[in-house]
Protein backbone atom coordinates (compact mmCIF):
# COMPACT_ATOMS: atom_id res chain seq x y z
CA MET A 1 12.43 -1.94 -23.86
CA PRO A 2 13.68 -3.88 -21.16
CA GLN A 3 11.44 -6.39 -19.65
CA HIS A 4 10.90 -4.60 -16.27
CA GLN A 5 9.78 -1.59 -17.97
CA HIS A 6 6.29 -2.14 -18.41
CA PRO A 7 3.10 -0.71 -16.19
CA SER A 8 2.94 -1.97 -12.75
CA TRP A 9 0.94 -1.37 -9.87
CA VAL A 10 1.03 -1.02 -6.05
CA TYR A 11 -2.34 -1.29 -4.45
CA ILE A 12 -4.03 -1.39 -1.15
CA LEU A 13 -7.06 -3.73 -0.26
CA GLN A 14 -9.33 -3.41 2.57
CA CYS A 15 -10.42 -6.96 3.81
CA ASN A 16 -13.52 -7.56 5.36
CA ASP A 17 -12.24 -7.60 8.66
CA GLY A 18 -11.00 -3.68 8.19
CA SER A 19 -7.17 -4.80 7.69
CA TYR A 20 -5.49 -3.69 4.89
CA TYR A 21 -3.17 -5.44 2.44
CA THR A 22 -0.44 -4.06 0.31
CA GLY A 23 0.39 -5.81 -3.15
CA CYS A 24 2.04 -5.21 -6.39
CA THR A 25 1.31 -6.40 -9.66
CA THR A 26 1.64 -6.26 -13.64
CA ASN A 27 -2.22 -6.47 -14.19
CA LEU A 28 -4.23 -4.76 -11.42
CA GLU A 29 -7.51 -6.03 -12.98
CA GLU A 30 -6.64 -9.49 -12.95
CA ARG A 31 -4.84 -9.35 -9.55
CA VAL A 32 -7.88 -7.80 -7.79
CA TYR A 33 -10.22 -10.48 -9.34
CA GLN A 34 -7.71 -13.43 -8.04
CA HIS A 35 -8.02 -11.67 -4.27
CA GLN A 36 -11.65 -10.99 -4.70
CA THR A 37 -12.43 -14.69 -5.91
CA GLY A 38 -9.93 -16.51 -3.36
CA LEU A 39 -7.81 -17.44 -6.45
CA TYR A 40 -4.66 -15.61 -4.65
CA SER A 41 -4.02 -17.75 -1.51
CA GLY A 42 -2.67 -15.98 1.49
CA TYR A 43 -3.64 -13.28 3.85
CA THR A 44 -6.76 -11.99 1.85
CA SER A 45 -8.22 -15.32 0.86
CA LYS A 46 -9.78 -15.77 4.14
CA ARG A 47 -10.59 -12.41 4.61
CA ARG A 48 -13.05 -11.83 1.78
CA PRO A 49 -14.99 -9.76 0.04
CA ILE A 50 -12.15 -7.40 -0.57
CA LYS A 51 -12.09 -4.07 -1.49
CA LEU A 52 -9.31 -1.85 -3.77
CA ILE A 53 -9.03 1.38 -2.02
CA TRP A 54 -5.74 2.70 -3.01
CA PHE A 55 -3.47 2.28 -6.39
CA GLU A 56 -0.69 3.81 -7.88
CA GLU A 57 0.86 2.97 -11.51
CA PHE A 58 4.71 2.87 -11.92
CA ARG A 59 6.68 2.48 -15.31
CA ASP A 60 9.20 0.03 -13.61
CA VAL A 61 8.19 -3.00 -12.04
CA HIS A 62 11.34 -2.86 -9.74
CA GLU A 63 10.39 0.75 -8.44
CA ALA A 64 6.72 -0.85 -7.76
CA ILE A 65 8.42 -3.65 -5.70
CA ASP A 66 10.21 -1.17 -3.82
CA ILE A 67 7.55 0.88 -2.77
CA GLU A 68 5.33 -1.96 -2.05
CA ARG A 69 7.96 -3.23 0.58
CA GLN A 70 7.99 0.25 1.97
CA ILE A 71 4.28 0.74 2.29
CA LYS A 72 3.99 -2.92 3.81
CA GLY A 73 6.24 -1.46 6.83
CA TRP A 74 4.28 1.59 7.47
CA SER A 75 1.75 2.00 10.28
CA ARG A 76 -1.99 1.95 9.64
CA LYS A 77 -2.28 5.80 9.88
CA LYS A 78 0.23 6.38 7.70
CA LYS A 79 -1.30 4.13 5.02
CA GLU A 80 -4.48 5.78 5.80
CA ALA A 81 -2.61 9.10 5.30
CA LEU A 82 -1.53 8.07 1.69
CA MET A 83 -4.89 6.86 0.97
CA ARG A 84 -6.37 10.18 1.68
CA GLU A 85 -3.46 11.79 -0.09
CA ASP A 86 -2.80 13.72 3.17
CA PHE A 87 0.90 14.21 2.39
CA GLU A 88 1.35 16.64 5.22
CA LEU A 89 0.28 14.03 7.88
CA LEU A 90 2.19 11.34 5.82
CA GLU A 91 5.41 13.56 6.19
CA GLU A 92 4.93 14.10 9.99
CA LEU A 93 4.24 10.46 10.38
CA SER A 94 7.51 9.96 8.59
CA LYS A 95 9.66 11.30 11.31
CA SER A 96 10.88 9.40 14.02
CA SER A 97 9.25 9.35 17.38
CA LYS A 98 12.16 10.85 18.98
CA ILE A 99 11.63 14.04 16.68
CA ARG A 100 7.93 14.25 17.01
CA LYS A 101 8.31 13.80 20.93
CA ARG A 102 10.97 16.62 21.04
CA LYS A 103 9.00 19.12 18.59
CA THR A 104 5.80 18.46 20.83
CA GLU A 105 7.84 19.56 24.02
CA ASN A 106 9.48 22.55 22.44
CA THR A 107 6.00 24.06 21.59
């Protein structure tokens, strides 16, 4: 089995200031511990305590990395729709603003 094909997770943390942090790891429990204790320096280290609010497992670390990058570029509303598993809203938010505006004007 190739090395990159082992369980990996994409996760979203909520920081104490209400912001979200999206990450990717091959050991979810350890990574959350690192964020919570400040061992993982960076964005979350100054926004503790953190809370794990969403995660998804992937078999391929490369797929997990791609999804992490995609989610990092999303709006807060889109991330919240994902966390609520509101896929209808997620699809609507994924449409370009021009298409949404045109759809609104035609109804």
